[in-house]
Amino acid sequence: MKKILNFTAGFIVWLSLISYSGSVGLAQSVQKNNEIGKPIPSDVQKITEKSCKNCHNEPGKLLALAKLNLSKWDTYPYERQAAKAKAMYNEIWKNDMPPRKFRKKNPGAIPTPEDVKTILEWAKSLQPAKK
């Protein structure tokens, strides 16, 4: 009788450990998919302060904030940050950002070619590795 009780208790402990380790693995995989991204590096932050913050930081322009809210960057999941960084680079590279009216009034806010390169390198660093 003792052998049966010991075996049953051991089996229950073993099942509990397997169940627990499986749920931890599942929780970790879910967390990776929704993992909060990284803060904007200081070199990129300087560029966004100069060229983007008037519209894309709170309180900014509603349409601009809807597309990219730099005030909430740290809350974006990693995948969203990667997509936003790529879109940011594309807009700057095409000279669509900052907008023309803003450029005329604030010529010092126009990103330099080096700024554009910095944004590109940062955006590339956030992109997931190709399989």
N, C-alpha and C. Protein backbone atom coordinates (compact mmCIF):
# COMPACT_ATOMS: atom_id res chain seq x y z
N MET A 1 0.83 -1.20 0.00
CA MET A 1 0.00 0.00 0.00
C MET A 1 0.87 1.26 0.00
N LYS A 2 1.98 1.24 0.81
CA LYS A 2 2.88 2.39 0.86
C LYS A 2 3.51 2.65 -0.50
N LYS A 3 3.86 1.57 -1.21
CA LYS A 3 4.47 1.72 -2.53
C LYS A 3 3.51 2.42 -3.49
N ILE A 4 2.26 2.05 -3.43
CA ILE A 4 1.26 2.66 -4.31
C ILE A 4 1.09 4.14 -3.97
N LEU A 5 1.03 4.48 -2.69
CA LEU A 5 0.90 5.87 -2.28
C LEU A 5 2.14 6.69 -2.68
N ASN A 6 3.32 6.12 -2.47
CA ASN A 6 4.55 6.82 -2.88
C ASN A 6 4.60 7.01 -4.38
N PHE A 7 4.22 5.96 -5.12
CA PHE A 7 4.20 6.06 -6.57
C PHE A 7 3.19 7.11 -7.03
N THR A 8 2.02 7.12 -6.46
CA THR A 8 0.97 8.08 -6.82
C THR A 8 1.42 9.51 -6.49
N ALA A 9 2.00 9.70 -5.32
CA ALA A 9 2.48 11.03 -4.93
C ALA A 9 3.59 11.50 -5.87
N GLY A 10 4.51 10.60 -6.18
CA GLY A 10 5.60 10.93 -7.10
C GLY A 10 5.08 11.27 -8.49
N PHE A 11 4.09 10.49 -8.94
CA PHE A 11 3.50 10.74 -10.24
C PHE A 11 2.80 12.10 -10.29
N ILE A 12 2.10 12.46 -9.24
CA ILE A 12 1.41 13.75 -9.16
C ILE A 12 2.43 14.90 -9.17
N VAL A 13 3.51 14.76 -8.42
CA VAL A 13 4.57 15.79 -8.41
C VAL A 13 5.17 15.91 -9.80
N TRP A 14 5.45 14.77 -10.45
CA TRP A 14 6.02 14.77 -11.79
C TRP A 14 5.08 15.47 -12.79
N LEU A 15 3.79 15.14 -12.74
CA LEU A 15 2.82 15.79 -13.62
C LEU A 15 2.74 17.30 -13.35
N SER A 16 2.80 17.68 -12.10
CA SER A 16 2.76 19.10 -11.74
C SER A 16 3.95 19.84 -12.32
N LEU A 17 5.13 19.24 -12.21
CA LEU A 17 6.34 19.88 -12.75
C LEU A 17 6.27 20.02 -14.27
N ILE A 18 5.80 18.99 -14.94
CA ILE A 18 5.66 19.06 -16.41
C ILE A 18 4.65 20.12 -16.79
N SER A 19 3.54 20.15 -16.11
CA SER A 19 2.51 21.14 -16.39
C SER A 19 3.03 22.55 -16.16
N TYR A 20 3.74 22.75 -15.07
CA TYR A 20 4.29 24.07 -14.74
C TYR A 20 5.31 24.51 -15.77
N SER A 21 6.23 23.62 -16.15
CA SER A 21 7.27 24.01 -17.12
C SER A 21 6.65 24.32 -18.48
N GLY A 22 5.60 23.61 -18.85
CA GLY A 22 4.93 23.90 -20.12
C GLY A 22 4.24 25.25 -20.09
N SER A 23 3.62 25.59 -18.98
CA SER A 23 2.94 26.89 -18.90
C SER A 23 3.94 28.03 -18.86
N VAL A 24 5.11 27.82 -18.24
CA VAL A 24 6.14 28.85 -18.23
C VAL A 24 6.64 29.08 -19.64
N GLY A 25 6.88 27.99 -20.39
CA GLY A 25 7.33 28.12 -21.78
C GLY A 25 6.32 28.85 -22.62
N LEU A 26 5.04 28.54 -22.45
CA LEU A 26 3.98 29.21 -23.19
C LEU A 26 3.94 30.69 -22.83
N ALA A 27 4.03 31.00 -21.56
CA ALA A 27 4.01 32.40 -21.13
C ALA A 27 5.20 33.16 -21.70
N GLN A 28 6.37 32.52 -21.74
CA GLN A 28 7.54 33.19 -22.29
C GLN A 28 7.40 33.43 -23.78
N SER A 29 6.81 32.48 -24.53
CA SER A 29 6.65 32.70 -25.97
C SER A 29 5.63 33.79 -26.24
N VAL A 30 4.57 33.86 -25.44
CA VAL A 30 3.59 34.93 -25.61
C VAL A 30 4.24 36.27 -25.29
N GLN A 31 5.07 36.31 -24.24
CA GLN A 31 5.72 37.56 -23.86
C GLN A 31 6.66 38.03 -24.97
N LYS A 32 7.38 37.12 -25.63
CA LYS A 32 8.30 37.53 -26.70
C LYS A 32 7.53 38.18 -27.85
N ASN A 33 6.34 37.66 -28.16
CA ASN A 33 5.56 38.23 -29.25
C ASN A 33 5.04 39.61 -28.91
N ASN A 34 4.79 39.87 -27.63
CA ASN A 34 4.27 41.17 -27.21
C ASN A 34 5.31 41.97 -26.44
N GLU A 35 6.56 41.59 -26.58
CA GLU A 35 7.64 42.20 -25.82
C GLU A 35 7.72 43.70 -26.10
N ILE A 36 7.82 44.45 -25.01
CA ILE A 36 7.97 45.89 -25.14
C ILE A 36 9.33 46.16 -25.76
N GLY A 37 9.35 47.09 -26.68
CA GLY A 37 10.57 47.39 -27.40
C GLY A 37 11.57 48.19 -26.60
N LYS A 38 12.51 48.72 -27.31
CA LYS A 38 13.62 49.44 -26.70
C LYS A 38 13.37 50.94 -26.77
N PRO A 39 13.97 51.70 -25.85
CA PRO A 39 13.87 53.16 -25.96
C PRO A 39 14.65 53.65 -27.18
N ILE A 40 14.33 54.83 -27.63
CA ILE A 40 15.03 55.43 -28.77
C ILE A 40 16.44 55.79 -28.31
N PRO A 41 17.47 55.39 -29.07
CA PRO A 41 18.84 55.74 -28.69
C PRO A 41 19.06 57.25 -28.69
N SER A 42 20.05 57.70 -27.93
CA SER A 42 20.26 59.15 -27.76
C SER A 42 20.59 59.86 -29.07
N ASP A 43 21.34 59.23 -29.98
CA ASP A 43 21.65 59.90 -31.24
C ASP A 43 20.40 60.11 -32.10
N VAL A 44 19.51 59.13 -32.07
CA VAL A 44 18.24 59.25 -32.80
C VAL A 44 17.32 60.22 -32.07
N GLN A 45 17.36 60.18 -30.75
CA GLN A 45 16.54 61.09 -29.93
C GLN A 45 16.85 62.55 -30.26
N LYS A 46 18.12 62.86 -30.47
CA LYS A 46 18.51 64.24 -30.82
C LYS A 46 17.87 64.66 -32.14
N ILE A 47 17.83 63.74 -33.07
CA ILE A 47 17.22 64.05 -34.38
C ILE A 47 15.72 64.25 -34.24
N THR A 48 15.07 63.38 -33.48
CA THR A 48 13.62 63.52 -33.31
C THR A 48 13.28 64.78 -32.53
N GLU A 49 14.12 65.15 -31.58
CA GLU A 49 13.90 66.41 -30.84
C GLU A 49 13.93 67.59 -31.80
N LYS A 50 14.87 67.57 -32.71
CA LYS A 50 15.06 68.67 -33.66
C LYS A 50 13.98 68.69 -34.75
N SER A 51 13.64 67.51 -35.26
CA SER A 51 12.83 67.46 -36.48
C SER A 51 11.41 66.94 -36.32
N CYS A 52 11.11 66.26 -35.23
CA CYS A 52 9.82 65.56 -35.15
C CYS A 52 8.94 65.93 -33.96
N LYS A 53 9.56 66.40 -32.87
CA LYS A 53 8.83 66.51 -31.61
C LYS A 53 7.66 67.49 -31.63
N ASN A 54 7.72 68.53 -32.45
CA ASN A 54 6.64 69.51 -32.45
C ASN A 54 5.29 68.89 -32.80
N CYS A 55 5.31 67.89 -33.66
CA CYS A 55 4.04 67.28 -34.08
C CYS A 55 3.83 65.88 -33.50
N HIS A 56 4.93 65.14 -33.31
CA HIS A 56 4.82 63.73 -32.94
C HIS A 56 5.05 63.46 -31.46
N ASN A 57 5.16 64.48 -30.62
CA ASN A 57 5.18 64.33 -29.16
C ASN A 57 3.93 64.99 -28.61
N GLU A 58 3.44 64.48 -27.51
CA GLU A 58 2.25 65.09 -26.89
C GLU A 58 2.64 66.41 -26.26
N PRO A 59 1.87 67.47 -26.34
CA PRO A 59 0.66 67.61 -27.15
C PRO A 59 1.06 68.05 -28.55
N GLY A 60 0.83 67.22 -29.51
CA GLY A 60 1.20 67.53 -30.89
C GLY A 60 -0.04 67.60 -31.76
N LYS A 61 0.18 67.45 -33.03
CA LYS A 61 -0.93 67.46 -33.98
C LYS A 61 -1.61 66.09 -33.95
N LEU A 62 -2.94 66.08 -33.92
CA LEU A 62 -3.68 64.83 -33.76
C LEU A 62 -3.37 63.81 -34.85
N LEU A 63 -3.35 64.24 -36.10
CA LEU A 63 -3.08 63.31 -37.20
C LEU A 63 -1.65 62.77 -37.09
N ALA A 64 -0.71 63.63 -36.75
CA ALA A 64 0.68 63.20 -36.59
C ALA A 64 0.81 62.20 -35.44
N LEU A 65 0.14 62.49 -34.33
CA LEU A 65 0.19 61.59 -33.17
C LEU A 65 -0.47 60.24 -33.48
N ALA A 66 -1.50 60.26 -34.31
CA ALA A 66 -2.16 59.01 -34.68
C ALA A 66 -1.23 58.12 -35.49
N LYS A 67 -0.37 58.73 -36.29
CA LYS A 67 0.57 57.94 -37.11
C LYS A 67 1.80 57.52 -36.31
N LEU A 68 2.30 58.42 -35.48
CA LEU A 68 3.50 58.13 -34.69
C LEU A 68 3.50 59.03 -33.46
N ASN A 69 3.41 58.40 -32.30
CA ASN A 69 3.43 59.16 -31.05
C ASN A 69 4.74 58.82 -30.33
N LEU A 70 5.72 59.69 -30.46
CA LEU A 70 7.02 59.45 -29.84
C LEU A 70 6.95 59.48 -28.32
N SER A 71 5.94 60.15 -27.77
CA SER A 71 5.77 60.17 -26.32
C SER A 71 5.44 58.78 -25.77
N LYS A 72 4.86 57.95 -26.60
CA LYS A 72 4.47 56.60 -26.18
C LYS A 72 5.37 55.52 -26.76
N TRP A 73 6.49 55.90 -27.35
CA TRP A 73 7.38 54.95 -28.03
C TRP A 73 7.74 53.77 -27.13
N ASP A 74 8.07 54.04 -25.89
CA ASP A 74 8.51 52.99 -24.98
C ASP A 74 7.43 51.97 -24.65
N THR A 75 6.18 52.28 -24.96
CA THR A 75 5.09 51.35 -24.68
C THR A 75 4.76 50.47 -25.89
N TYR A 76 5.32 50.80 -27.05
CA TYR A 76 5.04 50.02 -28.26
C TYR A 76 5.72 48.66 -28.18
N PRO A 77 5.03 47.61 -28.63
CA PRO A 77 5.69 46.31 -28.74
C PRO A 77 6.83 46.40 -29.76
N TYR A 78 7.79 45.50 -29.63
CA TYR A 78 8.99 45.54 -30.45
C TYR A 78 8.67 45.55 -31.95
N GLU A 79 7.73 44.70 -32.39
CA GLU A 79 7.40 44.64 -33.82
C GLU A 79 6.84 45.97 -34.32
N ARG A 80 6.04 46.61 -33.48
CA ARG A 80 5.46 47.90 -33.86
C ARG A 80 6.55 48.97 -33.95
N GLN A 81 7.49 48.94 -33.02
CA GLN A 81 8.61 49.88 -33.08
C GLN A 81 9.40 49.70 -34.37
N ALA A 82 9.65 48.45 -34.73
CA ALA A 82 10.41 48.18 -35.96
C ALA A 82 9.68 48.73 -37.18
N ALA A 83 8.38 48.52 -37.24
CA ALA A 83 7.58 49.02 -38.37
C ALA A 83 7.55 50.55 -38.38
N LYS A 84 7.38 51.16 -37.21
CA LYS A 84 7.33 52.63 -37.13
C LYS A 84 8.68 53.24 -37.50
N ALA A 85 9.78 52.63 -37.06
CA ALA A 85 11.11 53.15 -37.38
C ALA A 85 11.35 53.08 -38.89
N LYS A 86 10.94 51.98 -39.50
CA LYS A 86 11.10 51.83 -40.96
C LYS A 86 10.26 52.88 -41.69
N ALA A 87 9.03 53.09 -41.24
CA ALA A 87 8.16 54.11 -41.85
C ALA A 87 8.74 55.50 -41.64
N MET A 88 9.30 55.75 -40.47
CA MET A 88 9.92 57.04 -40.18
C MET A 88 11.06 57.32 -41.15
N TYR A 89 11.91 56.33 -41.33
CA TYR A 89 13.01 56.49 -42.28
C TYR A 89 12.49 56.77 -43.69
N ASN A 90 11.50 55.99 -44.13
CA ASN A 90 10.96 56.18 -45.49
C ASN A 90 10.41 57.58 -45.69
N GLU A 91 9.71 58.10 -44.70
CA GLU A 91 9.13 59.45 -44.80
C GLU A 91 10.22 60.51 -44.86
N ILE A 92 11.25 60.34 -44.06
CA ILE A 92 12.35 61.31 -44.05
C ILE A 92 13.14 61.22 -45.35
N TRP A 93 13.41 60.00 -45.81
CA TRP A 93 14.18 59.79 -47.03
C TRP A 93 13.48 60.39 -48.25
N LYS A 94 12.15 60.30 -48.29
CA LYS A 94 11.38 60.86 -49.41
C LYS A 94 11.16 62.37 -49.27
N ASN A 95 11.69 62.97 -48.22
CA ASN A 95 11.50 64.39 -47.92
C ASN A 95 10.05 64.75 -47.64
N ASP A 96 9.26 63.77 -47.21
CA ASP A 96 7.87 64.04 -46.83
C ASP A 96 7.77 64.50 -45.38
N MET A 97 8.82 64.25 -44.60
CA MET A 97 8.86 64.67 -43.21
C MET A 97 10.20 65.33 -42.93
N PRO A 98 10.19 66.36 -42.17
CA PRO A 98 9.06 67.16 -41.76
C PRO A 98 8.36 67.78 -42.98
N PRO A 99 7.10 68.17 -42.81
CA PRO A 99 6.34 68.74 -43.92
C PRO A 99 6.97 70.03 -44.45
N ARG A 100 6.66 70.34 -45.69
CA ARG A 100 7.25 71.52 -46.37
C ARG A 100 7.02 72.82 -45.61
N LYS A 101 5.80 73.03 -45.14
CA LYS A 101 5.51 74.28 -44.40
C LYS A 101 6.39 74.39 -43.17
N PHE A 102 6.55 73.29 -42.46
CA PHE A 102 7.39 73.29 -41.26
C PHE A 102 8.84 73.55 -41.64
N ARG A 103 9.29 72.97 -42.75
CA ARG A 103 10.67 73.16 -43.21
C ARG A 103 10.95 74.64 -43.53
N LYS A 104 9.98 75.27 -44.18
CA LYS A 104 10.17 76.69 -44.54
C LYS A 104 10.30 77.56 -43.30
N LYS A 105 9.49 77.29 -42.29
CA LYS A 105 9.51 78.09 -41.06
C LYS A 105 10.66 77.70 -40.13
N ASN A 106 11.16 76.47 -40.27
CA ASN A 106 12.18 75.94 -39.36
C ASN A 106 13.29 75.24 -40.16
N PRO A 107 14.08 75.98 -40.91
CA PRO A 107 15.10 75.34 -41.75
C PRO A 107 16.13 74.55 -40.93
N GLY A 108 16.33 74.91 -39.68
CA GLY A 108 17.27 74.18 -38.84
C GLY A 108 16.77 72.81 -38.43
N ALA A 109 15.48 72.56 -38.65
CA ALA A 109 14.89 71.28 -38.27
C ALA A 109 14.97 70.24 -39.39
N ILE A 110 15.43 70.65 -40.55
CA ILE A 110 15.53 69.72 -41.67
C ILE A 110 16.64 68.71 -41.38
N PRO A 111 16.33 67.42 -41.44
CA PRO A 111 17.36 66.41 -41.17
C PRO A 111 18.49 66.49 -42.20
N THR A 112 19.71 66.42 -41.71
CA THR A 112 20.88 66.41 -42.59
C THR A 112 21.03 65.02 -43.21
N PRO A 113 21.84 64.89 -44.25
CA PRO A 113 22.10 63.54 -44.79
C PRO A 113 22.64 62.58 -43.72
N GLU A 114 23.44 63.09 -42.80
CA GLU A 114 23.94 62.23 -41.71
C GLU A 114 22.81 61.82 -40.77
N ASP A 115 21.87 62.74 -40.53
CA ASP A 115 20.70 62.39 -39.71
C ASP A 115 19.90 61.27 -40.37
N VAL A 116 19.72 61.38 -41.67
CA VAL A 116 18.95 60.37 -42.42
C VAL A 116 19.67 59.02 -42.32
N LYS A 117 20.98 59.05 -42.44
CA LYS A 117 21.77 57.81 -42.33
C LYS A 117 21.63 57.20 -40.93
N THR A 118 21.66 58.04 -39.92
CA THR A 118 21.51 57.57 -38.54
C THR A 118 20.15 56.91 -38.35
N ILE A 119 19.10 57.53 -38.87
CA ILE A 119 17.75 56.97 -38.78
C ILE A 119 17.69 55.63 -39.52
N LEU A 120 18.33 55.56 -40.69
CA LEU A 120 18.35 54.32 -41.47
C LEU A 120 19.02 53.19 -40.68
N GLU A 121 20.19 53.46 -40.13
CA GLU A 121 20.91 52.43 -39.38
C GLU A 121 20.11 51.96 -38.16
N TRP A 122 19.47 52.91 -37.49
CA TRP A 122 18.64 52.56 -36.35
C TRP A 122 17.45 51.71 -36.78
N ALA A 123 16.77 52.13 -37.86
CA ALA A 123 15.61 51.36 -38.34
C ALA A 123 16.04 49.96 -38.75
N LYS A 124 17.19 49.82 -39.40
CA LYS A 124 17.69 48.50 -39.79
C LYS A 124 17.96 47.64 -38.56
N SER A 125 18.50 48.25 -37.51
CA SER A 125 18.84 47.49 -36.30
C SER A 125 17.60 46.92 -35.61
N LEU A 126 16.45 47.51 -35.85
CA LEU A 126 15.21 47.04 -35.23
C LEU A 126 14.50 45.96 -36.03
N GLN A 127 14.88 45.82 -37.29
CA GLN A 127 14.18 44.86 -38.15
C GLN A 127 14.53 43.43 -37.74
N PRO A 128 13.52 42.55 -37.76
CA PRO A 128 13.79 41.16 -37.38
C PRO A 128 14.75 40.51 -38.39
N ALA A 129 15.53 39.57 -37.89
CA ALA A 129 16.48 38.86 -38.75
C ALA A 129 15.71 38.03 -39.77
N LYS A 130 16.20 38.03 -41.00
CA LYS A 130 15.56 37.25 -42.05
C LYS A 130 15.90 35.79 -41.85
N LYS A 131 14.89 34.95 -42.08
CA LYS A 131 15.08 33.50 -41.88
C LYS A 131 15.56 32.84 -43.14
